Amino acid sequence: MLKEISKYWTSSSESYDKVIQTQFRSKKTINLWKQLLIKGLGTTPQQKVLDVGTGPGFFSILLSQMGHLPTAVDTSQGMIDRASRNFESYGYKVPAYVADAADLHMELENSFEAVVCRDVVWTLPDPQRAYAEWYRILKPGGTLIVFDGNYLYKESKTVFHRLWYALSWTLILLTEQRIRQRSSQDKSLLSELPYVNVLRPEADETALKQAGFRTIDVHRNFIPARAMPLDYLKYGYQNVNRFMILAKKE
């Protein structure tokens, strides 16, 4: 399944690159994400951070701007290629390579102050194994920062939801110059993912405890509508399902 998921994200790499380029054009958006990262990282500079599922490199660029030392990994070669071009464009030398998020054998135990990811865990074929691997590579006292959502779980089919989705589709087309849609084959593939079929973040809390994490803080609706109104109109129909997790390695 990992191979199919990798192909899916490679085929989506151009589209997602348009998303982050739109975000980089908004100082408000960038400042908001940096403040969210500071909640987990604090203000100590020069931290080694693993950016798992980097996509086109959004977090690695933010972390570099904040004075940290990111390493970027992604299961998709297409995403790594996009990220590498973006790192060069923004003037940062970020190590980046293709890897399974649940098998980071190139990284030593206790080697990172933090692990970060955005909208990654829901796409993993084996989230439990990934959480255990991220625990392994974190230093004692290190922090896992997860931004994610209960995507595709019992999706609403109400008229209101369908109308909002149509509005979001139009706004995304106008502001990001991309068409946001999935083929029936893609939907079928994604529907088989384990974290699409469970209630989250409750399932994450259980998995994190099993992986060894003890201090786990969950923040729901971590980007209020008033903070980013346009973003809310584009993606707000799923905001009630979005959450931020901060988990510490004792």
C-alpha atoms as a PDB file:
ATOM      1  CA  MET A   1       0.000   0.000   0.000  1.00  0.00           C
ATOM      2  CA  LEU A   2       2.913   2.341   0.714  1.00  0.00           C
ATOM      3  CA  LYS A   3       3.920   2.215  -2.949  1.00  0.00           C
ATOM      4  CA  GLU A   4       0.421   3.252  -4.080  1.00  0.00           C
ATOM      5  CA  ILE A   5       0.279   6.075  -1.528  1.00  0.00           C
ATOM      6  CA  SER A   6       3.678   7.310  -2.701  1.00  0.00           C
ATOM      7  CA  LYS A   7       2.450   7.387  -6.305  1.00  0.00           C
ATOM      8  CA  TYR A   8      -0.662   9.291  -5.228  1.00  0.00           C
ATOM      9  CA  TRP A   9       1.372  12.036  -3.529  1.00  0.00           C
ATOM     10  CA  THR A  10       3.846  12.241  -6.387  1.00  0.00           C
ATOM     11  CA  SER A  11       0.948  12.844  -8.787  1.00  0.00           C
ATOM     12  CA  SER A  12      -0.324  15.545  -6.381  1.00  0.00           C
ATOM     13  CA  SER A  13       3.042  17.255  -5.833  1.00  0.00           C
ATOM     14  CA  GLU A  14       2.462  20.092  -8.312  1.00  0.00           C
ATOM     15  CA  SER A  15      -0.947  20.849  -6.822  1.00  0.00           C
ATOM     16  CA  TYR A  16       0.344  20.922  -3.250  1.00  0.00           C
ATOM     17  CA  ASP A  17       3.268  23.093  -4.276  1.00  0.00           C
ATOM     18  CA  LYS A  18       0.713  25.692  -5.400  1.00  0.00           C
ATOM     19  CA  VAL A  19      -0.843  25.509  -1.932  1.00  0.00           C
ATOM     20  CA  ILE A  20       2.370  26.323  -0.085  1.00  0.00           C
ATOM     21  CA  GLN A  21       3.367  29.049  -2.542  1.00  0.00           C
ATOM     22  CA  THR A  22       0.008  30.699  -1.800  1.00  0.00           C
ATOM     23  CA  GLN A  23       0.691  30.381   1.921  1.00  0.00           C
ATOM     24  CA  PHE A  24       4.160  31.900   1.614  1.00  0.00           C
ATOM     25  CA  ARG A  25       2.631  34.984  -0.016  1.00  0.00           C
ATOM     26  CA  SER A  26       0.663  35.676   3.172  1.00  0.00           C
ATOM     27  CA  LYS A  27       2.703  37.088   6.067  1.00  0.00           C
ATOM     28  CA  LYS A  28      -0.255  36.490   8.366  1.00  0.00           C
ATOM     29  CA  THR A  29      -0.350  32.810   7.459  1.00  0.00           C
ATOM     30  CA  ILE A  30       3.393  32.383   7.912  1.00  0.00           C
ATOM     31  CA  ASN A  31       3.392  34.145  11.289  1.00  0.00           C
ATOM     32  CA  LEU A  32       0.507  31.998  12.484  1.00  0.00           C
ATOM     33  CA  TRP A  33       2.255  28.757  11.588  1.00  0.00           C
ATOM     34  CA  LYS A  34       5.477  29.929  13.208  1.00  0.00           C
ATOM     35  CA  GLN A  35       3.623  30.710  16.421  1.00  0.00           C
ATOM     36  CA  LEU A  36       2.084  27.233  16.371  1.00  0.00           C
ATOM     37  CA  LEU A  37       5.527  25.679  15.924  1.00  0.00           C
ATOM     38  CA  ILE A  38       6.884  27.757  18.810  1.00  0.00           C
ATOM     39  CA  LYS A  39       4.230  26.194  21.061  1.00  0.00           C
ATOM     40  CA  GLY A  40       6.009  22.897  20.614  1.00  0.00           C
ATOM     41  CA  LEU A  41       9.610  23.998  20.068  1.00  0.00           C
ATOM     42  CA  GLY A  42       9.883  26.940  22.424  1.00  0.00           C
ATOM     43  CA  THR A  43      12.343  29.685  21.533  1.00  0.00           C
ATOM     44  CA  THR A  44      15.643  27.796  21.788  1.00  0.00           C
ATOM     45  CA  PRO A  45      17.395  28.135  18.380  1.00  0.00           C
ATOM     46  CA  GLN A  46      19.441  25.626  16.388  1.00  0.00           C
ATOM     47  CA  GLN A  47      17.250  22.619  17.220  1.00  0.00           C
ATOM     48  CA  LYS A  48      17.547  19.530  15.052  1.00  0.00           C
ATOM     49  CA  VAL A  49      14.055  18.874  13.688  1.00  0.00           C
ATOM     50  CA  LEU A  50      12.835  16.060  11.459  1.00  0.00           C
ATOM     51  CA  ASP A  51      10.139  17.245   9.059  1.00  0.00           C
ATOM     52  CA  VAL A  52       8.253  14.036   8.262  1.00  0.00           C
ATOM     53  CA  GLY A  53       6.133  14.052   5.127  1.00  0.00           C
ATOM     54  CA  THR A  54       7.642  17.382   4.157  1.00  0.00           C
ATOM     55  CA  GLY A  55       5.665  17.600   0.914  1.00  0.00           C
ATOM     56  CA  PRO A  56       6.952  20.641  -1.011  1.00  0.00           C
ATOM     57  CA  GLY A  57       9.020  21.650   2.036  1.00  0.00           C
ATOM     58  CA  PHE A  58       6.758  24.151   3.813  1.00  0.00           C
ATOM     59  CA  PHE A  59       7.738  23.356   7.400  1.00  0.00           C
ATOM     60  CA  SER A  60      11.442  22.919   6.610  1.00  0.00           C
ATOM     61  CA  ILE A  61      11.550  26.415   5.127  1.00  0.00           C
ATOM     62  CA  LEU A  62       9.719  27.891   8.131  1.00  0.00           C
ATOM     63  CA  LEU A  63      12.039  26.062  10.531  1.00  0.00           C
ATOM     64  CA  SER A  64      15.083  27.332   8.641  1.00  0.00           C
ATOM     65  CA  GLN A  65      13.737  30.883   8.853  1.00  0.00           C
ATOM     66  CA  MET A  66      13.285  30.368  12.598  1.00  0.00           C
ATOM     67  CA  GLY A  67      16.937  29.385  13.002  1.00  0.00           C
ATOM     68  CA  HIS A  68      16.498  25.619  13.338  1.00  0.00           C
ATOM     69  CA  LEU A  69      18.213  22.729  11.548  1.00  0.00           C
ATOM     70  CA  PRO A  70      15.568  20.686   9.712  1.00  0.00           C
ATOM     71  CA  THR A  71      15.934  17.435   7.852  1.00  0.00           C
ATOM     72  CA  ALA A  72      13.137  16.687   5.380  1.00  0.00           C
ATOM     73  CA  VAL A  73      11.800  13.249   4.497  1.00  0.00           C
ATOM     74  CA  ASP A  74       8.861  12.105   2.392  1.00  0.00           C
ATOM     75  CA  THR A  75       7.725   8.812   0.925  1.00  0.00           C
ATOM     76  CA  SER A  76       7.131  10.509  -2.433  1.00  0.00           C
ATOM     77  CA  GLN A  77      10.029  11.222  -4.790  1.00  0.00           C
ATOM     78  CA  GLY A  78       7.907  13.879  -6.487  1.00  0.00           C
ATOM     79  CA  MET A  79       7.437  15.728  -3.203  1.00  0.00           C
ATOM     80  CA  ILE A  80      11.149  15.546  -2.369  1.00  0.00           C
ATOM     81  CA  ASP A  81      11.986  16.926  -5.812  1.00  0.00           C
ATOM     82  CA  ARG A  82       9.585  19.836  -5.241  1.00  0.00           C
ATOM     83  CA  ALA A  83      10.933  20.442  -1.757  1.00  0.00           C
ATOM     84  CA  SER A  84      14.539  20.448  -2.959  1.00  0.00           C
ATOM     85  CA  ARG A  85      13.733  23.060  -5.597  1.00  0.00           C
ATOM     86  CA  ASN A  86      11.963  25.189  -3.011  1.00  0.00           C
ATOM     87  CA  PHE A  87      14.881  24.959  -0.580  1.00  0.00           C
ATOM     88  CA  GLU A  88      17.221  26.156  -3.293  1.00  0.00           C
ATOM     89  CA  SER A  89      14.815  28.935  -4.280  1.00  0.00           C
ATOM     90  CA  TYR A  90      14.549  30.194  -0.698  1.00  0.00           C
ATOM     91  CA  GLY A  91      18.295  29.880  -0.142  1.00  0.00           C
ATOM     92  CA  TYR A  92      18.398  27.051   2.416  1.00  0.00           C
ATOM     93  CA  LYS A  93      20.456  23.860   2.408  1.00  0.00           C
ATOM     94  CA  VAL A  94      18.106  21.303   3.915  1.00  0.00           C
ATOM     95  CA  PRO A  95      18.980  17.585   3.781  1.00  0.00           C
ATOM     96  CA  ALA A  96      16.074  15.866   2.044  1.00  0.00           C
ATOM     97  CA  TYR A  97      15.525  12.250   1.074  1.00  0.00           C
ATOM     98  CA  VAL A  98      12.855   9.660   0.304  1.00  0.00           C
ATOM     99  CA  ALA A  99      11.916   7.496   3.283  1.00  0.00           C
ATOM    100  CA  ASP A 100       9.087   5.547   4.828  1.00  0.00           C
ATOM    101  CA  ALA A 101       7.834   7.569   7.821  1.00  0.00           C
ATOM    102  CA  ALA A 102       7.570   4.322   9.766  1.00  0.00           C
ATOM    103  CA  ASP A 103      11.097   3.125   8.917  1.00  0.00           C
ATOM    104  CA  LEU A 104      13.712   5.835   9.407  1.00  0.00           C
ATOM    105  CA  HIS A 105      16.679   3.499   9.688  1.00  0.00           C
ATOM    106  CA  MET A 106      19.071   6.196   8.432  1.00  0.00           C
ATOM    107  CA  GLU A 107      18.427   8.198  11.605  1.00  0.00           C
ATOM    108  CA  LEU A 108      20.003   7.303  14.956  1.00  0.00           C
ATOM    109  CA  GLU A 109      18.164   6.913  18.234  1.00  0.00           C
ATOM    110  CA  ASN A 110      17.858  10.037  20.378  1.00  0.00           C
ATOM    111  CA  SER A 111      19.079  12.321  17.589  1.00  0.00           C
ATOM    112  CA  PHE A 112      16.362  15.008  17.165  1.00  0.00           C
ATOM    113  CA  GLU A 113      14.983  17.646  19.496  1.00  0.00           C
ATOM    114  CA  ALA A 114      11.679  17.556  17.620  1.00  0.00           C
ATOM    115  CA  VAL A 115       9.670  15.769  14.940  1.00  0.00           C
ATOM    116  CA  VAL A 116       7.000  17.735  13.067  1.00  0.00           C
ATOM    117  CA  CYS A 117       4.384  16.815  10.491  1.00  0.00           C
ATOM    118  CA  ARG A 118       1.309  18.366   8.901  1.00  0.00           C
ATOM    119  CA  ASP A 119      -1.557  16.310   7.484  1.00  0.00           C
ATOM    120  CA  VAL A 120       0.667  13.247   7.297  1.00  0.00           C
ATOM    121  CA  VAL A 121      -0.477  10.708   9.900  1.00  0.00           C
ATOM    122  CA  TRP A 122      -3.871  10.158   8.283  1.00  0.00           C
ATOM    123  CA  THR A 123      -2.105   9.055   5.063  1.00  0.00           C
ATOM    124  CA  LEU A 124       0.117   6.420   6.727  1.00  0.00           C
ATOM    125  CA  PRO A 125      -0.478   2.695   6.193  1.00  0.00           C
ATOM    126  CA  ASP A 126       0.870   1.994   9.720  1.00  0.00           C
ATOM    127  CA  PRO A 127       0.494   5.003  12.060  1.00  0.00           C
ATOM    128  CA  GLN A 128       1.313   2.992  15.204  1.00  0.00           C
ATOM    129  CA  ARG A 129       4.653   1.924  13.796  1.00  0.00           C
ATOM    130  CA  ALA A 130       5.382   5.495  12.695  1.00  0.00           C
ATOM    131  CA  TYR A 131       4.708   6.897  16.160  1.00  0.00           C
ATOM    132  CA  ALA A 132       7.047   4.309  17.662  1.00  0.00           C
ATOM    133  CA  GLU A 133       9.753   5.209  15.138  1.00  0.00           C
ATOM    134  CA  TRP A 134       9.422   8.924  15.839  1.00  0.00           C
ATOM    135  CA  TYR A 135       9.676   8.202  19.558  1.00  0.00           C
ATOM    136  CA  ARG A 136      12.882   6.256  18.898  1.00  0.00           C
ATOM    137  CA  ILE A 137      14.675   9.083  17.100  1.00  0.00           C
ATOM    138  CA  LEU A 138      13.613  11.805  19.545  1.00  0.00           C
ATOM    139  CA  LYS A 139      16.029  12.811  22.267  1.00  0.00           C
ATOM    140  CA  PRO A 140      14.780  12.474  25.851  1.00  0.00           C
ATOM    141  CA  GLY A 141      12.687  15.572  26.472  1.00  0.00           C
ATOM    142  CA  GLY A 142      12.088  15.947  22.732  1.00  0.00           C
ATOM    143  CA  THR A 143       8.730  16.937  21.265  1.00  0.00           C
ATOM    144  CA  LEU A 144       6.515  15.456  18.582  1.00  0.00           C
ATOM    145  CA  ILE A 145       4.316  18.084  16.914  1.00  0.00           C
ATOM    146  CA  VAL A 146       1.433  16.725  14.844  1.00  0.00           C
ATOM    147  CA  PHE A 147      -1.040  18.810  12.842  1.00  0.00           C
ATOM    148  CA  ASP A 148      -3.741  16.603  11.364  1.00  0.00           C
ATOM    149  CA  GLY A 149      -7.448  15.921  11.051  1.00  0.00           C
ATOM    150  CA  ASN A 150     -10.076  13.207  11.041  1.00  0.00           C
ATOM    151  CA  TYR A 151     -10.180  13.427   7.243  1.00  0.00           C
ATOM    152  CA  LEU A 152     -12.714  11.364   5.283  1.00  0.00           C
ATOM    153  CA  TYR A 153     -14.131   9.902   8.522  1.00  0.00           C
ATOM    154  CA  LYS A 154     -17.914   9.674   8.178  1.00  0.00           C
ATOM    155  CA  GLU A 155     -17.961  12.634   5.813  1.00  0.00           C
ATOM    156  CA  SER A 156     -21.038  14.817   6.019  1.00  0.00           C
ATOM    157  CA  LYS A 157     -23.380  14.594   3.021  1.00  0.00           C
ATOM    158  CA  THR A 158     -25.762  17.381   4.025  1.00  0.00           C
ATOM    159  CA  VAL A 159     -26.820  20.059   1.553  1.00  0.00           C
ATOM    160  CA  PHE A 160     -24.978  22.676   3.618  1.00  0.00           C
ATOM    161  CA  HIS A 161     -21.762  20.635   3.463  1.00  0.00           C
ATOM    162  CA  ARG A 162     -22.083  20.157  -0.297  1.00  0.00           C
ATOM    163  CA  LEU A 163     -22.653  23.887  -0.836  1.00  0.00           C
ATOM    164  CA  TRP A 164     -19.681  24.804   1.349  1.00  0.00           C
ATOM    165  CA  TYR A 165     -17.511  22.300  -0.501  1.00  0.00           C
ATOM    166  CA  ALA A 166     -18.552  23.890  -3.817  1.00  0.00           C
ATOM    167  CA  LEU A 167     -17.626  27.322  -2.452  1.00  0.00           C
ATOM    168  CA  SER A 168     -14.265  26.027  -1.232  1.00  0.00           C
ATOM    169  CA  TRP A 169     -13.571  24.405  -4.611  1.00  0.00           C
ATOM    170  CA  THR A 170     -14.222  27.755  -6.349  1.00  0.00           C
ATOM    171  CA  LEU A 171     -12.075  29.775  -3.936  1.00  0.00           C
ATOM    172  CA  ILE A 172      -9.195  27.298  -4.195  1.00  0.00           C
ATOM    173  CA  LEU A 173      -9.347  27.537  -7.988  1.00  0.00           C
ATOM    174  CA  LEU A 174      -9.257  31.345  -7.865  1.00  0.00           C
ATOM    175  CA  THR A 175      -6.565  31.800  -5.182  1.00  0.00           C
ATOM    176  CA  GLU A 176      -4.330  28.771  -5.746  1.00  0.00           C
ATOM    177  CA  GLN A 177      -4.893  28.131  -9.474  1.00  0.00           C
ATOM    178  CA  ARG A 178      -5.549  24.451  -8.885  1.00  0.00           C
ATOM    179  CA  ILE A 179      -8.490  22.102  -9.105  1.00  0.00           C
ATOM    180  CA  ARG A 180      -9.093  20.308  -5.827  1.00  0.00           C
ATOM    181  CA  GLN A 181     -10.608  16.923  -6.601  1.00  0.00           C
ATOM    182  CA  ARG A 182      -9.830  13.238  -6.272  1.00  0.00           C
ATOM    183  CA  SER A 183     -10.579  10.459  -8.712  1.00  0.00           C
ATOM    184  CA  SER A 184     -12.765   7.539  -7.640  1.00  0.00           C
ATOM    185  CA  GLN A 185      -9.613   5.374  -7.690  1.00  0.00           C
ATOM    186  CA  ASP A 186      -7.830   7.775  -5.332  1.00  0.00           C
ATOM    187  CA  LYS A 187     -10.835   7.878  -2.992  1.00  0.00           C
ATOM    188  CA  SER A 188     -10.930   4.091  -2.940  1.00  0.00           C
ATOM    189  CA  LEU A 189      -7.232   3.933  -2.053  1.00  0.00           C
ATOM    190  CA  LEU A 190      -7.506   6.538   0.687  1.00  0.00           C
ATOM    191  CA  SER A 191     -10.600   4.904   2.170  1.00  0.00           C
ATOM    192  CA  GLU A 192      -8.489   1.852   3.054  1.00  0.00           C
ATOM    193  CA  LEU A 193      -6.110   3.835   5.274  1.00  0.00           C
ATOM    194  CA  PRO A 194      -6.428   2.832   8.951  1.00  0.00           C
ATOM    195  CA  TYR A 195      -6.790   6.356  10.350  1.00  0.00           C
ATOM    196  CA  VAL A 196      -9.591   7.232   7.933  1.00  0.00           C
ATOM    197  CA  ASN A 197     -11.765   4.672   9.682  1.00  0.00           C
ATOM    198  CA  VAL A 198     -11.272   5.571  13.356  1.00  0.00           C
ATOM    199  CA  LEU A 199     -12.180   8.537  15.527  1.00  0.00           C
ATOM    200  CA  ARG A 200      -9.297  10.925  15.956  1.00  0.00           C
ATOM    201  CA  PRO A 201      -7.433  12.313  17.848  1.00  0.00           C
ATOM    202  CA  GLU A 202      -8.603   9.677  20.334  1.00  0.00           C
ATOM    203  CA  ALA A 203      -6.939   6.915  18.290  1.00  0.00           C
ATOM    204  CA  ASP A 204      -3.727   8.974  18.153  1.00  0.00           C
ATOM    205  CA  GLU A 205      -3.630   9.385  21.930  1.00  0.00           C
ATOM    206  CA  THR A 206      -3.880   5.630  22.391  1.00  0.00           C
ATOM    207  CA  ALA A 207      -1.188   4.945  19.792  1.00  0.00           C
ATOM    208  CA  LEU A 208       1.142   7.581  21.255  1.00  0.00           C
ATOM    209  CA  LYS A 209       0.882   6.061  24.733  1.00  0.00           C
ATOM    210  CA  GLN A 210       1.644   2.636  23.275  1.00  0.00           C
ATOM    211  CA  ALA A 211       4.695   4.121  21.535  1.00  0.00           C
ATOM    212  CA  GLY A 212       6.032   5.419  24.863  1.00  0.00           C
ATOM    213  CA  PHE A 213       4.852   9.035  24.996  1.00  0.00           C
ATOM    214  CA  ARG A 214       3.435  10.090  28.363  1.00  0.00           C
ATOM    215  CA  THR A 215       2.813  13.852  28.152  1.00  0.00           C
ATOM    216  CA  ILE A 216       0.247  14.381  25.395  1.00  0.00           C
ATOM    217  CA  ASP A 217      -1.589  17.662  24.817  1.00  0.00           C
ATOM    218  CA  VAL A 218      -4.356  17.890  22.216  1.00  0.00           C
ATOM    219  CA  HIS A 219      -5.568  21.211  20.810  1.00  0.00           C
ATOM    220  CA  ARG A 220      -8.709  21.078  18.666  1.00  0.00           C
ATOM    221  CA  ASN A 221      -9.606  23.739  16.100  1.00  0.00           C
ATOM    222  CA  PHE A 222      -6.079  25.136  16.407  1.00  0.00           C
ATOM    223  CA  ILE A 223      -6.696  27.779  13.711  1.00  0.00           C
ATOM    224  CA  PRO A 224      -9.872  29.731  14.624  1.00  0.00           C
ATOM    225  CA  ALA A 225     -11.968  31.110  11.758  1.00  0.00           C
ATOM    226  CA  ARG A 226     -11.269  34.714  12.774  1.00  0.00           C
ATOM    227  CA  ALA A 227      -7.504  34.181  12.488  1.00  0.00           C
ATOM    228  CA  MET A 228      -7.605  33.246   8.791  1.00  0.00           C
ATOM    229  CA  PRO A 229     -11.072  33.944   7.321  1.00  0.00           C
ATOM    230  CA  LEU A 230     -10.189  33.127   3.698  1.00  0.00           C
ATOM    231  CA  ASP A 231      -8.511  29.892   4.727  1.00  0.00           C
ATOM    232  CA  TYR A 232     -11.601  29.077   6.769  1.00  0.00           C
ATOM    233  CA  LEU A 233     -13.864  29.595   3.764  1.00  0.00           C
ATOM    234  CA  LYS A 234     -11.624  27.331   1.663  1.00  0.00           C
ATOM    235  CA  TYR A 235     -11.062  24.551   4.201  1.00  0.00           C
ATOM    236  CA  GLY A 236     -13.414  25.298   7.092  1.00  0.00           C
ATOM    237  CA  TYR A 237     -15.884  22.544   6.295  1.00  0.00           C
ATOM    238  CA  GLN A 238     -13.278  20.173   7.781  1.00  0.00           C
ATOM    239  CA  ASN A 239     -11.949  22.453  10.540  1.00  0.00           C
ATOM    240  CA  VAL A 240     -14.073  20.851  13.248  1.00  0.00           C
ATOM    241  CA  ASN A 241     -12.064  17.690  12.659  1.00  0.00           C
ATOM    242  CA  ARG A 242      -8.610  19.288  12.759  1.00  0.00           C
ATOM    243  CA  PHE A 243      -6.286  19.094  15.740  1.00  0.00           C
ATOM    244  CA  MET A 244      -2.746  19.719  16.981  1.00  0.00           C
ATOM    245  CA  ILE A 245      -0.929  17.238  19.211  1.00  0.00           C
ATOM    246  CA  LEU A 246       2.147  17.970  21.336  1.00  0.00           C
ATOM    247  CA  ALA A 247       3.700  14.796  22.724  1.00  0.00           C
ATOM    248  CA  LYS A 248       6.832  14.687  24.875  1.00  0.00           C
ATOM    249  CA  LYS A 249       9.389  11.919  25.188  1.00  0.00           C
ATOM    250  CA  GLU A 250      10.112  11.609  28.906  1.00  0.00           C
END
